[in-house]
Amino acid sequence: MAVETKFVVVRKGEEKMTFASKKEADAYDKMLDMAEAFTDWLVQSELPLEEAQLENLGLFLAEQKDAVQHILRTSKLPEAQPAVKAPKATAAETDAGKAQDEAGKKVRAVKAA
């Protein structure tokens, strides 16, 4: 018999999501806290939107917090992220100078003397 540990995020007596690690469950719970705060803030703004729309907007803002923070810091949209992330370079590729950094520039590994 196998024993599995599961972490369940529960909100208002309702199970929202189940995770295999506490770290992932805590991150999701924090995102839900942020979504609730955004929703409450949007409700106070008296925007002419339905409650469901305000909740969806609050959840969207919480899910996209990195982009929101970038816009608030720089007043610019973040660069579009590729749909599929490139695999990380192996040690052999890095040594051969084939790895690339985030800006897409070639990086050459230098061995310490």
N, C-alpha and C. Protein backbone atom coordinates (compact mmCIF):
# COMPACT_ATOMS: atom_id res chain seq x y z
N MET A 1 0.84 -1.17 0.00
CA MET A 1 0.00 0.00 0.00
C MET A 1 0.89 1.24 0.00
N ALA A 2 0.56 2.18 -0.86
CA ALA A 2 1.32 3.43 -0.95
C ALA A 2 0.63 4.50 -0.11
N VAL A 3 1.45 5.33 0.49
CA VAL A 3 0.94 6.45 1.28
C VAL A 3 1.29 7.73 0.55
N GLU A 4 0.29 8.56 0.32
CA GLU A 4 0.51 9.83 -0.38
C GLU A 4 0.11 10.97 0.54
N THR A 5 0.92 12.01 0.53
CA THR A 5 0.59 13.22 1.27
C THR A 5 0.09 14.24 0.27
N LYS A 6 -1.08 14.79 0.56
CA LYS A 6 -1.66 15.80 -0.32
C LYS A 6 -1.96 17.04 0.50
N PHE A 7 -1.75 18.19 -0.10
CA PHE A 7 -2.04 19.46 0.53
C PHE A 7 -3.22 20.09 -0.21
N VAL A 8 -4.28 20.35 0.53
CA VAL A 8 -5.51 20.85 -0.07
C VAL A 8 -5.73 22.29 0.37
N VAL A 9 -5.97 23.16 -0.60
CA VAL A 9 -6.30 24.55 -0.31
C VAL A 9 -7.81 24.63 -0.19
N VAL A 10 -8.28 25.08 0.98
CA VAL A 10 -9.71 25.17 1.25
C VAL A 10 -10.06 26.63 1.51
N ARG A 11 -11.09 27.14 0.82
CA ARG A 11 -11.57 28.51 0.99
C ARG A 11 -13.06 28.48 1.26
N LYS A 12 -13.47 29.08 2.36
CA LYS A 12 -14.89 29.17 2.72
C LYS A 12 -15.55 27.79 2.71
N GLY A 13 -14.82 26.79 3.23
CA GLY A 13 -15.34 25.43 3.31
C GLY A 13 -15.33 24.66 2.00
N GLU A 14 -14.78 25.24 0.96
CA GLU A 14 -14.77 24.62 -0.37
C GLU A 14 -13.35 24.29 -0.77
N GLU A 15 -13.11 23.04 -1.20
CA GLU A 15 -11.78 22.65 -1.68
C GLU A 15 -11.52 23.30 -3.03
N LYS A 16 -10.44 24.07 -3.10
CA LYS A 16 -10.12 24.79 -4.33
C LYS A 16 -9.14 24.02 -5.20
N MET A 17 -8.08 23.46 -4.57
CA MET A 17 -7.05 22.79 -5.37
C MET A 17 -6.27 21.87 -4.44
N THR A 18 -5.74 20.79 -5.00
CA THR A 18 -4.90 19.85 -4.27
C THR A 18 -3.50 19.85 -4.87
N PHE A 19 -2.50 19.84 -3.99
CA PHE A 19 -1.11 19.89 -4.43
C PHE A 19 -0.31 18.78 -3.78
N ALA A 20 0.81 18.45 -4.40
CA ALA A 20 1.70 17.42 -3.88
C ALA A 20 2.71 17.99 -2.90
N SER A 21 2.92 19.31 -2.92
CA SER A 21 3.89 19.92 -2.01
C SER A 21 3.26 21.09 -1.25
N LYS A 22 3.74 21.28 -0.03
CA LYS A 22 3.26 22.39 0.79
C LYS A 22 3.60 23.73 0.16
N LYS A 23 4.78 23.82 -0.45
CA LYS A 23 5.23 25.06 -1.07
C LYS A 23 4.25 25.51 -2.17
N GLU A 24 3.83 24.57 -3.02
CA GLU A 24 2.89 24.90 -4.09
C GLU A 24 1.53 25.30 -3.52
N ALA A 25 1.08 24.58 -2.49
CA ALA A 25 -0.21 24.90 -1.87
C ALA A 25 -0.17 26.28 -1.22
N ASP A 26 0.93 26.60 -0.54
CA ASP A 26 1.06 27.92 0.08
C ASP A 26 1.08 29.03 -0.97
N ALA A 27 1.77 28.80 -2.09
CA ALA A 27 1.83 29.80 -3.16
C ALA A 27 0.44 30.03 -3.75
N TYR A 28 -0.32 28.97 -3.95
CA TYR A 28 -1.68 29.10 -4.50
C TYR A 28 -2.58 29.83 -3.50
N ASP A 29 -2.46 29.49 -2.22
CA ASP A 29 -3.25 30.15 -1.18
C ASP A 29 -2.93 31.64 -1.12
N LYS A 30 -1.66 31.98 -1.25
CA LYS A 30 -1.25 33.39 -1.25
C LYS A 30 -1.84 34.12 -2.47
N MET A 31 -1.84 33.44 -3.62
CA MET A 31 -2.41 34.03 -4.83
C MET A 31 -3.91 34.26 -4.65
N LEU A 32 -4.60 33.33 -3.98
CA LEU A 32 -6.03 33.52 -3.72
C LEU A 32 -6.27 34.68 -2.75
N ASP A 33 -5.38 34.84 -1.75
CA ASP A 33 -5.48 36.00 -0.85
C ASP A 33 -5.35 37.30 -1.63
N MET A 34 -4.39 37.33 -2.55
CA MET A 34 -4.17 38.52 -3.36
C MET A 34 -5.38 38.79 -4.26
N ALA A 35 -5.94 37.75 -4.84
CA ALA A 35 -7.11 37.90 -5.71
C ALA A 35 -8.28 38.46 -4.91
N GLU A 36 -8.45 38.00 -3.68
CA GLU A 36 -9.53 38.51 -2.83
C GLU A 36 -9.32 39.99 -2.51
N ALA A 37 -8.07 40.37 -2.23
CA ALA A 37 -7.77 41.77 -1.95
C ALA A 37 -8.04 42.64 -3.17
N PHE A 38 -7.61 42.16 -4.36
CA PHE A 38 -7.88 42.91 -5.59
C PHE A 38 -9.39 43.05 -5.81
N THR A 39 -10.13 41.98 -5.59
CA THR A 39 -11.58 42.02 -5.79
C THR A 39 -12.23 43.02 -4.85
N ASP A 40 -11.84 42.98 -3.57
CA ASP A 40 -12.40 43.93 -2.60
C ASP A 40 -12.08 45.37 -3.03
N TRP A 41 -10.88 45.60 -3.49
CA TRP A 41 -10.46 46.93 -3.95
C TRP A 41 -11.29 47.37 -5.15
N LEU A 42 -11.50 46.44 -6.09
CA LEU A 42 -12.28 46.76 -7.29
C LEU A 42 -13.75 47.04 -6.94
N VAL A 43 -14.29 46.31 -5.97
CA VAL A 43 -15.67 46.54 -5.53
C VAL A 43 -15.80 47.95 -4.96
N GLN A 44 -14.81 48.39 -4.20
CA GLN A 44 -14.82 49.74 -3.62
C GLN A 44 -14.73 50.83 -4.68
N SER A 45 -14.17 50.48 -5.84
CA SER A 45 -14.00 51.48 -6.90
C SER A 45 -15.32 51.86 -7.55
N GLU A 46 -16.35 51.10 -7.31
CA GLU A 46 -17.68 51.33 -7.87
C GLU A 46 -17.68 51.31 -9.40
N LEU A 47 -16.81 50.47 -9.98
CA LEU A 47 -16.84 50.28 -11.42
C LEU A 47 -18.16 49.61 -11.80
N PRO A 48 -18.72 49.96 -12.93
CA PRO A 48 -20.02 49.39 -13.32
C PRO A 48 -19.87 47.97 -13.88
N LEU A 49 -19.37 47.06 -13.03
CA LEU A 49 -19.18 45.67 -13.43
C LEU A 49 -19.95 44.76 -12.48
N GLU A 50 -20.32 43.60 -12.97
CA GLU A 50 -21.00 42.62 -12.13
C GLU A 50 -19.99 41.99 -11.17
N GLU A 51 -20.49 41.41 -10.08
CA GLU A 51 -19.62 40.83 -9.06
C GLU A 51 -18.72 39.74 -9.65
N ALA A 52 -19.27 38.92 -10.52
CA ALA A 52 -18.47 37.85 -11.13
C ALA A 52 -17.34 38.43 -11.97
N GLN A 53 -17.63 39.51 -12.68
CA GLN A 53 -16.58 40.15 -13.48
C GLN A 53 -15.48 40.72 -12.58
N LEU A 54 -15.88 41.33 -11.46
CA LEU A 54 -14.90 41.89 -10.53
C LEU A 54 -14.03 40.78 -9.93
N GLU A 55 -14.66 39.64 -9.59
CA GLU A 55 -13.91 38.51 -9.06
C GLU A 55 -12.94 37.96 -10.10
N ASN A 56 -13.40 37.83 -11.35
CA ASN A 56 -12.53 37.34 -12.41
C ASN A 56 -11.36 38.29 -12.67
N LEU A 57 -11.64 39.57 -12.63
CA LEU A 57 -10.58 40.57 -12.82
C LEU A 57 -9.59 40.52 -11.67
N GLY A 58 -10.09 40.38 -10.44
CA GLY A 58 -9.21 40.26 -9.28
C GLY A 58 -8.33 39.04 -9.36
N LEU A 59 -8.88 37.91 -9.78
CA LEU A 59 -8.11 36.67 -9.93
C LEU A 59 -7.07 36.83 -11.04
N PHE A 60 -7.46 37.46 -12.15
CA PHE A 60 -6.52 37.67 -13.25
C PHE A 60 -5.34 38.52 -12.80
N LEU A 61 -5.62 39.61 -12.09
CA LEU A 61 -4.54 40.49 -11.61
C LEU A 61 -3.60 39.74 -10.67
N ALA A 62 -4.17 38.89 -9.80
CA ALA A 62 -3.34 38.11 -8.88
C ALA A 62 -2.49 37.10 -9.63
N GLU A 63 -3.06 36.45 -10.63
CA GLU A 63 -2.30 35.46 -11.43
C GLU A 63 -1.19 36.14 -12.22
N GLN A 64 -1.40 37.38 -12.61
CA GLN A 64 -0.44 38.11 -13.43
C GLN A 64 0.35 39.13 -12.61
N LYS A 65 0.56 38.84 -11.32
CA LYS A 65 1.18 39.82 -10.43
C LYS A 65 2.54 40.29 -10.91
N ASP A 66 3.34 39.41 -11.53
CA ASP A 66 4.65 39.82 -12.01
C ASP A 66 4.53 40.88 -13.10
N ALA A 67 3.59 40.68 -14.01
CA ALA A 67 3.37 41.67 -15.07
C ALA A 67 2.84 42.97 -14.50
N VAL A 68 1.93 42.88 -13.52
CA VAL A 68 1.38 44.07 -12.89
C VAL A 68 2.49 44.86 -12.20
N GLN A 69 3.35 44.16 -11.46
CA GLN A 69 4.47 44.82 -10.78
C GLN A 69 5.41 45.48 -11.78
N HIS A 70 5.67 44.82 -12.89
CA HIS A 70 6.55 45.38 -13.92
C HIS A 70 5.94 46.66 -14.49
N ILE A 71 4.66 46.63 -14.78
CA ILE A 71 3.98 47.81 -15.33
C ILE A 71 4.01 48.96 -14.32
N LEU A 72 3.77 48.66 -13.04
CA LEU A 72 3.78 49.70 -12.02
C LEU A 72 5.18 50.31 -11.84
N ARG A 73 6.23 49.48 -11.96
CA ARG A 73 7.60 49.97 -11.81
C ARG A 73 8.07 50.76 -13.00
N THR A 74 7.74 50.30 -14.20
CA THR A 74 8.34 50.87 -15.41
C THR A 74 7.37 51.65 -16.29
N SER A 75 6.11 51.55 -16.05
CA SER A 75 5.06 52.14 -16.90
C SER A 75 5.12 51.60 -18.33
N LYS A 76 5.63 50.38 -18.47
CA LYS A 76 5.71 49.72 -19.79
C LYS A 76 5.22 48.29 -19.65
N LEU A 77 4.72 47.76 -20.77
CA LEU A 77 4.33 46.36 -20.78
C LEU A 77 5.57 45.48 -20.71
N PRO A 78 5.48 44.35 -20.02
CA PRO A 78 6.62 43.44 -20.02
C PRO A 78 6.77 42.83 -21.40
N GLU A 79 7.98 42.42 -21.71
CA GLU A 79 8.22 41.77 -23.00
C GLU A 79 7.41 40.49 -23.06
N ALA A 80 6.92 40.17 -24.23
CA ALA A 80 6.14 38.95 -24.41
C ALA A 80 7.00 37.75 -24.09
N GLN A 81 6.45 36.86 -23.28
CA GLN A 81 7.17 35.64 -22.92
C GLN A 81 6.88 34.57 -23.98
N PRO A 82 7.88 33.81 -24.38
CA PRO A 82 7.63 32.75 -25.36
C PRO A 82 6.69 31.70 -24.76
N ALA A 83 5.86 31.13 -25.61
CA ALA A 83 4.89 30.14 -25.15
C ALA A 83 5.58 28.91 -24.58
N VAL A 84 6.69 28.51 -25.18
CA VAL A 84 7.44 27.35 -24.72
C VAL A 84 8.83 27.81 -24.32
N LYS A 85 9.21 27.52 -23.09
CA LYS A 85 10.53 27.92 -22.64
C LYS A 85 11.57 26.98 -23.24
N ALA A 86 12.71 27.56 -23.61
CA ALA A 86 13.80 26.76 -24.14
C ALA A 86 14.40 25.92 -23.02
N PRO A 87 14.83 24.70 -23.33
CA PRO A 87 15.44 23.88 -22.29
C PRO A 87 16.75 24.51 -21.81
N LYS A 88 17.07 24.27 -20.54
CA LYS A 88 18.29 24.82 -19.98
C LYS A 88 19.49 24.16 -20.64
N ALA A 89 20.57 24.92 -20.76
CA ALA A 89 21.78 24.41 -21.39
C ALA A 89 22.44 23.39 -20.48
N THR A 90 23.00 22.38 -21.09
CA THR A 90 23.74 21.38 -20.31
C THR A 90 25.12 21.92 -20.02
N ALA A 91 25.83 21.26 -19.14
CA ALA A 91 27.18 21.69 -18.79
C ALA A 91 28.08 21.67 -20.02
N ALA A 92 27.90 20.69 -20.90
CA ALA A 92 28.72 20.60 -22.10
C ALA A 92 28.45 21.78 -23.02
N GLU A 93 27.18 22.17 -23.16
CA GLU A 93 26.85 23.31 -24.00
C GLU A 93 27.40 24.61 -23.41
N THR A 94 27.31 24.75 -22.10
CA THR A 94 27.83 25.95 -21.46
C THR A 94 29.33 26.04 -21.67
N ASP A 95 30.04 24.94 -21.48
CA ASP A 95 31.49 24.93 -21.66
C ASP A 95 31.86 25.26 -23.10
N ALA A 96 31.02 24.87 -24.02
CA ALA A 96 31.31 25.12 -25.42
C ALA A 96 30.88 26.52 -25.86
N GLY A 97 30.27 27.25 -24.93
CA GLY A 97 29.85 28.62 -25.25
C GLY A 97 28.56 28.70 -26.02
N LYS A 98 27.72 27.66 -25.92
CA LYS A 98 26.48 27.64 -26.69
C LYS A 98 25.27 28.10 -25.87
N ALA A 99 25.44 28.28 -24.58
CA ALA A 99 24.31 28.70 -23.75
C ALA A 99 23.98 30.15 -24.04
N GLN A 100 22.73 30.50 -23.82
CA GLN A 100 22.30 31.88 -24.03
C GLN A 100 21.68 32.41 -22.75
N ASP A 101 21.86 33.72 -22.50
CA ASP A 101 21.23 34.32 -21.33
C ASP A 101 19.82 34.76 -21.68
N GLU A 102 19.13 35.41 -20.75
CA GLU A 102 17.73 35.80 -20.94
C GLU A 102 17.55 36.77 -22.09
N ALA A 103 18.53 37.59 -22.38
CA ALA A 103 18.40 38.57 -23.46
C ALA A 103 18.71 37.95 -24.81
N GLY A 104 19.09 36.66 -24.82
CA GLY A 104 19.36 35.98 -26.07
C GLY A 104 20.80 36.15 -26.55
N LYS A 105 21.66 36.72 -25.73
CA LYS A 105 23.06 36.89 -26.12
C LYS A 105 23.82 35.63 -25.80
N LYS A 106 24.83 35.36 -26.59
CA LYS A 106 25.66 34.19 -26.35
C LYS A 106 26.49 34.41 -25.09
N VAL A 107 26.63 33.35 -24.30
CA VAL A 107 27.41 33.40 -23.09
C VAL A 107 28.52 32.37 -23.21
N ARG A 108 29.72 32.74 -22.88
CA ARG A 108 30.83 31.80 -22.95
C ARG A 108 31.29 31.51 -21.54
N ALA A 109 31.39 30.22 -21.22
CA ALA A 109 31.87 29.83 -19.91
C ALA A 109 33.37 30.00 -19.84
N VAL A 110 33.85 30.51 -18.73
CA VAL A 110 35.28 30.71 -18.53
C VAL A 110 35.70 29.88 -17.35
N LYS A 111 36.71 29.06 -17.55
CA LYS A 111 37.19 28.22 -16.47
C LYS A 111 38.11 29.03 -15.57
N ALA A 112 37.90 28.90 -14.27
CA ALA A 112 38.75 29.62 -13.31
C ALA A 112 40.12 28.98 -13.27
N ALA A 113 41.16 29.82 -13.10
CA ALA A 113 42.53 29.31 -13.06
C ALA A 113 42.86 28.74 -11.71
